[in-house]
Amino acid sequence: MNSQRLYQWLCERLQRQPDKGEWPLGDLESQRAQLQPCDVLLVDGDSPLDRRLKVLTGARFSRALLYIGRPHEVADPALRALLADYLPCGPDTQLVLDASLERGLWVRDLSNLHGLHLRVCRAQNLSPEECQDALRFAISRLGAGTQHGWSTLALLWLLPWRALPGRLRRRLLNRWANDLLRALTGTTAGEAFAFIQFPVHPLVKQADGDSARLVRLQPRVFHAADFDHSPYFDIIKTPYLLDAVPAGFGAVPWKGNAGALTPEQRRPHLSVVD
């Protein structure tokens, strides 16, 4: 087995998602209807690579992907042609910017994320022009990281990351991460927002007196927790398995005793399962 075939075999094993027998945590069909270009998708994967990225970043979600949208939603014809070269697809295919060990930063079909727990983060008050500028920067980075495969594997699996304190892990990650590892964690999405001067996380500087000054941070590595905790990104929640989720705690048909509900809490359209 030559080195290229060995590397391909390792990539497939490390990125293989296990078959989950339990009830899924997300409904992709409900989410895809509400997605907008430039949304950030946080992925809670369970592959060996995803588990190691969670250890490195200390976040529940392993990766951050940038949602591009359908091909016709990209305004620049040159960018649409570039996307078609990477992934020939139909006009209604929803595209996301992702990264893999063997291909670096590339484009994939949103349907490939079926079965994964996703969280949708949306930048607040982003204009259509700013959205297109951010997509232009992100798409221009396609192919980044393809030269750092073996070094990324060595960095991820040879160092005893679990034995290190969380702050030291993030410090070493910021210093040693190469282009491929940065693409895997979601740095391209963060850099796209930095390109249009949209802050993912601010740094609060105490000024004279009681005043404070906000400074845009430009970290070398962005990861999922940066978008999840950012005050400038909204979490978009979608109904799960229901066309419309009833409002309020008392409207949900929890399993229990019907006598536990007061007359004011009972609803004619619900039944209690024993």
C-alpha atoms as a PDB file:
ATOM      1  CA  MET A   1       0.000   0.000   0.000  1.00  0.00           C
ATOM      2  CA  ASN A   2       1.526   3.306  -1.087  1.00  0.00           C
ATOM      3  CA  SER A   3       1.366   6.448   1.022  1.00  0.00           C
ATOM      4  CA  GLN A   4      -1.517   7.992  -0.947  1.00  0.00           C
ATOM      5  CA  ARG A   5      -3.750   4.938  -0.545  1.00  0.00           C
ATOM      6  CA  LEU A   6      -2.807   4.681   3.128  1.00  0.00           C
ATOM      7  CA  TYR A   7      -3.724   8.321   3.675  1.00  0.00           C
ATOM      8  CA  GLN A   8      -7.057   7.859   1.875  1.00  0.00           C
ATOM      9  CA  TRP A   9      -7.838   4.799   4.010  1.00  0.00           C
ATOM     10  CA  LEU A  10      -7.030   6.685   7.212  1.00  0.00           C
ATOM     11  CA  CYS A  11      -9.191   9.635   6.160  1.00  0.00           C
ATOM     12  CA  GLU A  12     -12.176   7.386   5.493  1.00  0.00           C
ATOM     13  CA  ARG A  13     -11.851   5.675   8.875  1.00  0.00           C
ATOM     14  CA  LEU A  14     -11.382   8.899  10.816  1.00  0.00           C
ATOM     15  CA  GLN A  15     -14.299  10.714   9.171  1.00  0.00           C
ATOM     16  CA  ARG A  16     -16.810   7.842   9.157  1.00  0.00           C
ATOM     17  CA  GLN A  17     -19.923   8.679  11.143  1.00  0.00           C
ATOM     18  CA  PRO A  18     -21.228   5.720  13.200  1.00  0.00           C
ATOM     19  CA  ASP A  19     -24.732   4.406  12.663  1.00  0.00           C
ATOM     20  CA  LYS A  20     -26.880   5.902  15.388  1.00  0.00           C
ATOM     21  CA  GLY A  21     -29.661   3.753  16.724  1.00  0.00           C
ATOM     22  CA  GLU A  22     -31.110   6.316  19.099  1.00  0.00           C
ATOM     23  CA  TRP A  23     -33.622   9.027  18.246  1.00  0.00           C
ATOM     24  CA  PRO A  24     -31.956  11.792  16.189  1.00  0.00           C
ATOM     25  CA  LEU A  25     -31.538  15.232  17.702  1.00  0.00           C
ATOM     26  CA  GLY A  26     -32.232  17.230  14.558  1.00  0.00           C
ATOM     27  CA  ASP A  27     -34.550  17.323  11.571  1.00  0.00           C
ATOM     28  CA  LEU A  28     -32.705  18.426   8.440  1.00  0.00           C
ATOM     29  CA  GLU A  29     -35.877  18.753   6.389  1.00  0.00           C
ATOM     30  CA  SER A  30     -37.276  21.352   8.811  1.00  0.00           C
ATOM     31  CA  GLN A  31     -33.966  23.213   8.915  1.00  0.00           C
ATOM     32  CA  ARG A  32     -33.308  23.357   5.183  1.00  0.00           C
ATOM     33  CA  ALA A  33     -36.543  25.279   4.590  1.00  0.00           C
ATOM     34  CA  GLN A  34     -35.400  28.136   6.837  1.00  0.00           C
ATOM     35  CA  LEU A  35     -31.743  28.397   5.854  1.00  0.00           C
ATOM     36  CA  GLN A  36     -30.439  31.602   4.290  1.00  0.00           C
ATOM     37  CA  PRO A  37     -27.111  32.221   2.528  1.00  0.00           C
ATOM     38  CA  CYS A  38     -24.306  33.010   4.997  1.00  0.00           C
ATOM     39  CA  ASP A  39     -25.884  31.035   7.830  1.00  0.00           C
ATOM     40  CA  VAL A  40     -23.378  29.106   9.939  1.00  0.00           C
ATOM     41  CA  LEU A  41     -24.119  25.431  10.617  1.00  0.00           C
ATOM     42  CA  LEU A  42     -22.604  23.964  13.755  1.00  0.00           C
ATOM     43  CA  VAL A  43     -22.096  20.206  13.449  1.00  0.00           C
ATOM     44  CA  ASP A  44     -22.255  17.805  16.379  1.00  0.00           C
ATOM     45  CA  GLY A  45     -20.626  14.798  14.726  1.00  0.00           C
ATOM     46  CA  ASP A  46     -19.487  11.567  16.328  1.00  0.00           C
ATOM     47  CA  SER A  47     -16.674  10.442  14.027  1.00  0.00           C
ATOM     48  CA  PRO A  48     -13.172  10.019  15.488  1.00  0.00           C
ATOM     49  CA  LEU A  49     -12.199  13.307  13.841  1.00  0.00           C
ATOM     50  CA  ASP A  50     -15.201  15.134  15.299  1.00  0.00           C
ATOM     51  CA  ARG A  51     -14.500  13.780  18.770  1.00  0.00           C
ATOM     52  CA  ARG A  52     -10.895  14.947  18.617  1.00  0.00           C
ATOM     53  CA  LEU A  53     -11.917  18.405  17.398  1.00  0.00           C
ATOM     54  CA  LYS A  54     -14.297  18.677  20.373  1.00  0.00           C
ATOM     55  CA  VAL A  55     -11.412  17.862  22.700  1.00  0.00           C
ATOM     56  CA  LEU A  56      -9.229  20.488  21.032  1.00  0.00           C
ATOM     57  CA  THR A  57     -11.771  23.312  21.120  1.00  0.00           C
ATOM     58  CA  GLY A  58     -13.666  22.384  24.291  1.00  0.00           C
ATOM     59  CA  ALA A  59     -17.008  22.856  22.486  1.00  0.00           C
ATOM     60  CA  ARG A  60     -20.037  20.620  22.162  1.00  0.00           C
ATOM     61  CA  PHE A  61     -20.028  21.154  18.393  1.00  0.00           C
ATOM     62  CA  SER A  62     -17.024  19.966  16.447  1.00  0.00           C
ATOM     63  CA  ARG A  63     -17.130  22.040  13.250  1.00  0.00           C
ATOM     64  CA  ALA A  64     -18.632  25.219  11.797  1.00  0.00           C
ATOM     65  CA  LEU A  65     -19.786  25.161   8.164  1.00  0.00           C
ATOM     66  CA  LEU A  66     -20.847  28.099   6.019  1.00  0.00           C
ATOM     67  CA  TYR A  67     -24.115  27.714   4.148  1.00  0.00           C
ATOM     68  CA  ILE A  68     -23.791  29.015   0.577  1.00  0.00           C
ATOM     69  CA  GLY A  69     -27.332  28.434  -0.626  1.00  0.00           C
ATOM     70  CA  ARG A  70     -28.541  27.334  -4.042  1.00  0.00           C
ATOM     71  CA  PRO A  71     -26.313  28.118  -7.049  1.00  0.00           C
ATOM     72  CA  HIS A  72     -28.589  30.892  -8.318  1.00  0.00           C
ATOM     73  CA  GLU A  73     -28.366  32.650  -4.924  1.00  0.00           C
ATOM     74  CA  VAL A  74     -24.684  33.423  -5.600  1.00  0.00           C
ATOM     75  CA  ALA A  75     -24.720  36.721  -7.479  1.00  0.00           C
ATOM     76  CA  ASP A  76     -21.270  36.522  -9.110  1.00  0.00           C
ATOM     77  CA  PRO A  77     -21.323  34.378 -12.322  1.00  0.00           C
ATOM     78  CA  ALA A  78     -17.626  33.557 -11.934  1.00  0.00           C
ATOM     79  CA  LEU A  79     -18.252  32.153  -8.459  1.00  0.00           C
ATOM     80  CA  ARG A  80     -21.196  30.110  -9.729  1.00  0.00           C
ATOM     81  CA  ALA A  81     -18.917  28.616 -12.387  1.00  0.00           C
ATOM     82  CA  LEU A  82     -16.289  27.832  -9.745  1.00  0.00           C
ATOM     83  CA  LEU A  83     -18.878  26.066  -7.604  1.00  0.00           C
ATOM     84  CA  ALA A  84     -20.036  24.060 -10.618  1.00  0.00           C
ATOM     85  CA  ASP A  85     -16.454  22.902 -11.207  1.00  0.00           C
ATOM     86  CA  TYR A  86     -16.217  21.600  -7.643  1.00  0.00           C
ATOM     87  CA  LEU A  87     -19.691  20.070  -7.474  1.00  0.00           C
ATOM     88  CA  PRO A  88     -21.857  19.737 -10.594  1.00  0.00           C
ATOM     89  CA  CYS A  89     -25.417  19.875  -9.302  1.00  0.00           C
ATOM     90  CA  GLY A  90     -28.971  20.891 -10.070  1.00  0.00           C
ATOM     91  CA  PRO A  91     -30.337  24.422  -9.614  1.00  0.00           C
ATOM     92  CA  ASP A  92     -32.188  23.485  -6.423  1.00  0.00           C
ATOM     93  CA  THR A  93     -29.228  21.843  -4.644  1.00  0.00           C
ATOM     94  CA  GLN A  94     -28.356  23.505  -1.347  1.00  0.00           C
ATOM     95  CA  LEU A  95     -24.596  23.888  -0.934  1.00  0.00           C
ATOM     96  CA  VAL A  96     -22.409  24.206   2.151  1.00  0.00           C
ATOM     97  CA  LEU A  97     -18.719  25.028   2.464  1.00  0.00           C
ATOM     98  CA  ASP A  98     -17.060  22.182   4.347  1.00  0.00           C
ATOM     99  CA  ALA A  99     -13.582  20.734   4.790  1.00  0.00           C
ATOM    100  CA  SER A 100     -12.293  17.176   4.725  1.00  0.00           C
ATOM    101  CA  LEU A 101      -8.908  15.621   5.405  1.00  0.00           C
ATOM    102  CA  GLU A 102      -8.408  14.437   1.847  1.00  0.00           C
ATOM    103  CA  ARG A 103      -9.833  17.414  -0.096  1.00  0.00           C
ATOM    104  CA  GLY A 104      -9.250  20.437   2.107  1.00  0.00           C
ATOM    105  CA  LEU A 105     -11.896  23.150   1.801  1.00  0.00           C
ATOM    106  CA  TRP A 106     -14.587  22.092  -0.652  1.00  0.00           C
ATOM    107  CA  VAL A 107     -18.300  22.279  -1.474  1.00  0.00           C
ATOM    108  CA  ARG A 108     -20.804  19.572  -0.624  1.00  0.00           C
ATOM    109  CA  ASP A 109     -24.526  18.953  -0.808  1.00  0.00           C
ATOM    110  CA  LEU A 110     -26.474  19.847   2.336  1.00  0.00           C
ATOM    111  CA  SER A 111     -28.219  16.467   2.124  1.00  0.00           C
ATOM    112  CA  ASN A 112     -24.946  14.783   3.101  1.00  0.00           C
ATOM    113  CA  LEU A 113     -25.439  16.148   6.619  1.00  0.00           C
ATOM    114  CA  HIS A 114     -28.600  14.103   7.131  1.00  0.00           C
ATOM    115  CA  GLY A 115     -28.684  12.414  10.532  1.00  0.00           C
ATOM    116  CA  LEU A 116     -26.269  14.859  12.180  1.00  0.00           C
ATOM    117  CA  HIS A 117     -27.260  17.255  14.924  1.00  0.00           C
ATOM    118  CA  LEU A 118     -27.016  20.763  13.454  1.00  0.00           C
ATOM    119  CA  ARG A 119     -27.410  24.181  15.019  1.00  0.00           C
ATOM    120  CA  VAL A 120     -28.124  27.156  12.765  1.00  0.00           C
ATOM    121  CA  CYS A 121     -26.485  30.496  13.641  1.00  0.00           C
ATOM    122  CA  ARG A 122     -27.433  33.633  11.711  1.00  0.00           C
ATOM    123  CA  ALA A 123     -25.566  36.934  11.701  1.00  0.00           C
ATOM    124  CA  GLN A 124     -27.740  39.810  12.875  1.00  0.00           C
ATOM    125  CA  ASN A 125     -28.729  42.588  10.444  1.00  0.00           C
ATOM    126  CA  LEU A 126     -26.553  41.361   7.592  1.00  0.00           C
ATOM    127  CA  SER A 127     -27.399  43.154   4.340  1.00  0.00           C
ATOM    128  CA  PRO A 128     -27.617  41.243   1.008  1.00  0.00           C
ATOM    129  CA  GLU A 129     -24.500  43.045  -0.250  1.00  0.00           C
ATOM    130  CA  GLU A 130     -22.515  42.107   2.846  1.00  0.00           C
ATOM    131  CA  CYS A 131     -23.733  38.531   2.519  1.00  0.00           C
ATOM    132  CA  GLN A 132     -22.497  38.333  -1.080  1.00  0.00           C
ATOM    133  CA  ASP A 133     -19.134  39.842  -0.100  1.00  0.00           C
ATOM    134  CA  ALA A 134     -18.701  37.249   2.657  1.00  0.00           C
ATOM    135  CA  LEU A 135     -19.604  34.425   0.260  1.00  0.00           C
ATOM    136  CA  ARG A 136     -17.166  35.791  -2.326  1.00  0.00           C
ATOM    137  CA  PHE A 137     -14.323  35.632   0.185  1.00  0.00           C
ATOM    138  CA  ALA A 138     -15.253  32.150   1.429  1.00  0.00           C
ATOM    139  CA  ILE A 139     -15.683  30.627  -2.046  1.00  0.00           C
ATOM    140  CA  SER A 140     -12.353  32.110  -3.136  1.00  0.00           C
ATOM    141  CA  ARG A 141     -10.706  29.965  -0.428  1.00  0.00           C
ATOM    142  CA  LEU A 142     -11.824  26.677  -2.022  1.00  0.00           C
ATOM    143  CA  GLY A 143      -9.015  24.146  -2.083  1.00  0.00           C
ATOM    144  CA  ALA A 144      -7.174  25.573   0.927  1.00  0.00           C
ATOM    145  CA  GLY A 145      -5.411  23.042   3.124  1.00  0.00           C
ATOM    146  CA  THR A 146      -4.796  20.295   0.600  1.00  0.00           C
ATOM    147  CA  GLN A 147      -1.021  20.302   1.275  1.00  0.00           C
ATOM    148  CA  HIS A 148      -1.164  19.663   5.029  1.00  0.00           C
ATOM    149  CA  GLY A 149      -2.703  16.198   5.306  1.00  0.00           C
ATOM    150  CA  TRP A 150      -0.031  14.184   7.098  1.00  0.00           C
ATOM    151  CA  SER A 151       1.003  17.070   9.340  1.00  0.00           C
ATOM    152  CA  THR A 152      -2.633  17.522  10.412  1.00  0.00           C
ATOM    153  CA  LEU A 153      -2.971  13.835  11.281  1.00  0.00           C
ATOM    154  CA  ALA A 154       0.233  14.014  13.302  1.00  0.00           C
ATOM    155  CA  LEU A 155      -0.931  17.157  15.104  1.00  0.00           C
ATOM    156  CA  LEU A 156      -4.322  15.676  15.942  1.00  0.00           C
ATOM    157  CA  TRP A 157      -3.337  12.173  17.060  1.00  0.00           C
ATOM    158  CA  LEU A 158       0.260  12.197  18.263  1.00  0.00           C
ATOM    159  CA  LEU A 159      -0.106  14.895  20.902  1.00  0.00           C
ATOM    160  CA  PRO A 160      -1.832  13.965  24.217  1.00  0.00           C
ATOM    161  CA  TRP A 161      -4.455  16.730  23.978  1.00  0.00           C
ATOM    162  CA  ARG A 162      -6.741  15.246  26.658  1.00  0.00           C
ATOM    163  CA  ALA A 163      -3.967  15.478  29.241  1.00  0.00           C
ATOM    164  CA  LEU A 164      -3.553  19.228  28.683  1.00  0.00           C
ATOM    165  CA  PRO A 165      -5.625  21.937  30.403  1.00  0.00           C
ATOM    166  CA  GLY A 166      -8.292  23.516  28.210  1.00  0.00           C
ATOM    167  CA  ARG A 167      -6.638  26.933  28.060  1.00  0.00           C
ATOM    168  CA  LEU A 168      -3.321  25.413  27.032  1.00  0.00           C
ATOM    169  CA  ARG A 169      -5.044  23.326  24.340  1.00  0.00           C
ATOM    170  CA  ARG A 170      -6.588  26.393  22.720  1.00  0.00           C
ATOM    171  CA  ARG A 171      -3.309  28.321  22.971  1.00  0.00           C
ATOM    172  CA  LEU A 172      -1.374  25.552  21.251  1.00  0.00           C
ATOM    173  CA  LEU A 173      -4.129  25.145  18.649  1.00  0.00           C
ATOM    174  CA  ASN A 174      -3.943  28.846  17.794  1.00  0.00           C
ATOM    175  CA  ARG A 175      -0.174  28.632  17.426  1.00  0.00           C
ATOM    176  CA  TRP A 176       0.274  25.327  15.605  1.00  0.00           C
ATOM    177  CA  ALA A 177      -2.864  24.992  13.459  1.00  0.00           C
ATOM    178  CA  ASN A 178      -2.141  24.758   9.719  1.00  0.00           C
ATOM    179  CA  ASP A 179      -4.495  25.669   6.882  1.00  0.00           C
ATOM    180  CA  LEU A 180      -6.247  22.294   6.843  1.00  0.00           C
ATOM    181  CA  LEU A 181      -6.897  22.176  10.581  1.00  0.00           C
ATOM    182  CA  ARG A 182      -8.144  25.759  10.510  1.00  0.00           C
ATOM    183  CA  ALA A 183     -10.508  24.883   7.659  1.00  0.00           C
ATOM    184  CA  LEU A 184     -11.785  21.842   9.570  1.00  0.00           C
ATOM    185  CA  THR A 185     -12.719  23.850  12.663  1.00  0.00           C
ATOM    186  CA  GLY A 186     -14.567  26.571  10.716  1.00  0.00           C
ATOM    187  CA  THR A 187     -11.981  29.340  10.429  1.00  0.00           C
ATOM    188  CA  THR A 188     -13.038  30.103   6.851  1.00  0.00           C
ATOM    189  CA  ALA A 189     -16.517  31.105   8.031  1.00  0.00           C
ATOM    190  CA  GLY A 190     -15.037  33.359  10.711  1.00  0.00           C
ATOM    191  CA  GLU A 191     -12.616  34.954   8.259  1.00  0.00           C
ATOM    192  CA  ALA A 192     -15.462  35.597   5.813  1.00  0.00           C
ATOM    193  CA  PHE A 193     -17.290  37.645   8.451  1.00  0.00           C
ATOM    194  CA  ALA A 194     -14.060  39.380   9.440  1.00  0.00           C
ATOM    195  CA  PHE A 195     -13.588  40.312   5.771  1.00  0.00           C
ATOM    196  CA  ILE A 196     -16.811  42.370   5.858  1.00  0.00           C
ATOM    197  CA  GLN A 197     -15.897  43.806   9.288  1.00  0.00           C
ATOM    198  CA  PHE A 198     -18.616  41.823  11.062  1.00  0.00           C
ATOM    199  CA  PRO A 199     -17.470  40.885  14.587  1.00  0.00           C
ATOM    200  CA  VAL A 200     -17.879  37.295  15.710  1.00  0.00           C
ATOM    201  CA  HIS A 201     -16.609  38.049  19.215  1.00  0.00           C
ATOM    202  CA  PRO A 202     -15.718  41.478  20.578  1.00  0.00           C
ATOM    203  CA  LEU A 203     -12.957  42.299  23.025  1.00  0.00           C
ATOM    204  CA  VAL A 204     -14.191  44.687  25.711  1.00  0.00           C
ATOM    205  CA  LYS A 205     -11.571  47.247  26.745  1.00  0.00           C
ATOM    206  CA  GLN A 206     -12.133  49.222  29.928  1.00  0.00           C
ATOM    207  CA  ALA A 207     -11.585  52.910  29.193  1.00  0.00           C
ATOM    208  CA  ASP A 208     -11.338  55.846  31.587  1.00  0.00           C
ATOM    209  CA  GLY A 209     -14.096  55.986  34.141  1.00  0.00           C
ATOM    210  CA  ASP A 210     -17.083  53.720  33.594  1.00  0.00           C
ATOM    211  CA  SER A 211     -16.883  53.719  29.796  1.00  0.00           C
ATOM    212  CA  ALA A 212     -15.863  50.725  27.705  1.00  0.00           C
ATOM    213  CA  ARG A 213     -14.620  50.269  24.169  1.00  0.00           C
ATOM    214  CA  LEU A 214     -15.318  47.320  21.859  1.00  0.00           C
ATOM    215  CA  VAL A 215     -12.498  46.000  19.689  1.00  0.00           C
ATOM    216  CA  ARG A 216     -12.995  43.415  16.928  1.00  0.00           C
ATOM    217  CA  LEU A 217     -11.027  40.262  17.631  1.00  0.00           C
ATOM    218  CA  GLN A 218      -9.133  38.628  14.755  1.00  0.00           C
ATOM    219  CA  PRO A 219      -8.218  35.176  16.121  1.00  0.00           C
ATOM    220  CA  ARG A 220      -6.059  32.912  14.029  1.00  0.00           C
ATOM    221  CA  VAL A 221      -8.448  29.983  14.546  1.00  0.00           C
ATOM    222  CA  PHE A 222     -12.248  30.165  14.675  1.00  0.00           C
ATOM    223  CA  HIS A 223     -14.269  27.210  15.907  1.00  0.00           C
ATOM    224  CA  ALA A 224     -17.881  26.302  16.609  1.00  0.00           C
ATOM    225  CA  ALA A 225     -18.073  27.783  20.107  1.00  0.00           C
ATOM    226  CA  ASP A 226     -17.174  31.238  18.750  1.00  0.00           C
ATOM    227  CA  PHE A 227     -20.412  31.360  16.762  1.00  0.00           C
ATOM    228  CA  ASP A 228     -22.479  29.561  19.390  1.00  0.00           C
ATOM    229  CA  HIS A 229     -21.552  32.069  22.115  1.00  0.00           C
ATOM    230  CA  SER A 230     -21.379  35.183  19.962  1.00  0.00           C
ATOM    231  CA  PRO A 231     -23.839  37.960  20.922  1.00  0.00           C
ATOM    232  CA  TYR A 232     -24.078  38.932  17.232  1.00  0.00           C
ATOM    233  CA  PHE A 233     -25.437  35.601  15.961  1.00  0.00           C
ATOM    234  CA  ASP A 234     -29.008  34.401  16.497  1.00  0.00           C
ATOM    235  CA  ILE A 235     -29.801  30.727  17.049  1.00  0.00           C
ATOM    236  CA  ILE A 236     -32.482  29.688  14.554  1.00  0.00           C
ATOM    237  CA  LYS A 237     -34.703  26.994  16.026  1.00  0.00           C
ATOM    238  CA  THR A 238     -36.831  24.822  13.769  1.00  0.00           C
ATOM    239  CA  PRO A 239     -39.769  22.530  14.588  1.00  0.00           C
ATOM    240  CA  TYR A 240     -38.829  18.898  15.035  1.00  0.00           C
ATOM    241  CA  LEU A 241     -41.199  16.344  13.487  1.00  0.00           C
ATOM    242  CA  LEU A 242     -44.128  18.755  13.888  1.00  0.00           C
ATOM    243  CA  ASP A 243     -45.459  21.210  11.327  1.00  0.00           C
ATOM    244  CA  ALA A 244     -46.089  23.696  14.115  1.00  0.00           C
ATOM    245  CA  VAL A 245     -44.861  23.354  17.672  1.00  0.00           C
ATOM    246  CA  PRO A 246     -47.587  24.375  20.190  1.00  0.00           C
ATOM    247  CA  ALA A 247     -46.532  27.342  22.276  1.00  0.00           C
ATOM    248  CA  GLY A 248     -45.941  26.948  25.982  1.00  0.00           C
ATOM    249  CA  PHE A 249     -44.883  24.145  28.280  1.00  0.00           C
ATOM    250  CA  GLY A 250     -48.441  23.051  29.057  1.00  0.00           C
ATOM    251  CA  ALA A 251     -49.261  22.561  25.352  1.00  0.00           C
ATOM    252  CA  VAL A 252     -46.859  19.644  24.921  1.00  0.00           C
ATOM    253  CA  PRO A 253     -48.411  16.162  25.360  1.00  0.00           C
ATOM    254  CA  TRP A 254     -46.029  14.891  28.018  1.00  0.00           C
ATOM    255  CA  LYS A 255     -46.306  11.330  29.192  1.00  0.00           C
ATOM    256  CA  GLY A 256     -47.993  11.211  32.564  1.00  0.00           C
ATOM    257  CA  ASN A 257     -51.242  11.068  34.449  1.00  0.00           C
ATOM    258  CA  ALA A 258     -54.138  13.014  32.948  1.00  0.00           C
ATOM    259  CA  GLY A 259     -55.288  13.948  36.434  1.00  0.00           C
ATOM    260  CA  ALA A 260     -52.070  15.884  36.986  1.00  0.00           C
ATOM    261  CA  LEU A 261     -53.267  18.616  34.613  1.00  0.00           C
ATOM    262  CA  THR A 262     -55.521  21.349  35.887  1.00  0.00           C
ATOM    263  CA  PRO A 263     -58.610  22.213  33.782  1.00  0.00           C
ATOM    264  CA  GLU A 264     -56.857  25.385  32.601  1.00  0.00           C
ATOM    265  CA  GLN A 265     -53.910  23.340  31.315  1.00  0.00           C
ATOM    266  CA  ARG A 266     -55.921  20.780  29.360  1.00  0.00           C
ATOM    267  CA  ARG A 267     -56.251  21.229  25.624  1.00  0.00           C
ATOM    268  CA  PRO A 268     -58.829  19.475  23.421  1.00  0.00           C
ATOM    269  CA  HIS A 269     -56.274  18.702  20.682  1.00  0.00           C
ATOM    270  CA  LEU A 270     -53.875  16.836  23.031  1.00  0.00           C
ATOM    271  CA  SER A 271     -53.941  13.435  24.607  1.00  0.00           C
ATOM    272  CA  VAL A 272     -51.907  12.104  27.529  1.00  0.00           C
ATOM    273  CA  VAL A 273     -49.969   8.885  26.935  1.00  0.00           C
ATOM    274  CA  ASP A 274     -49.683   6.500  29.893  1.00  0.00           C
END
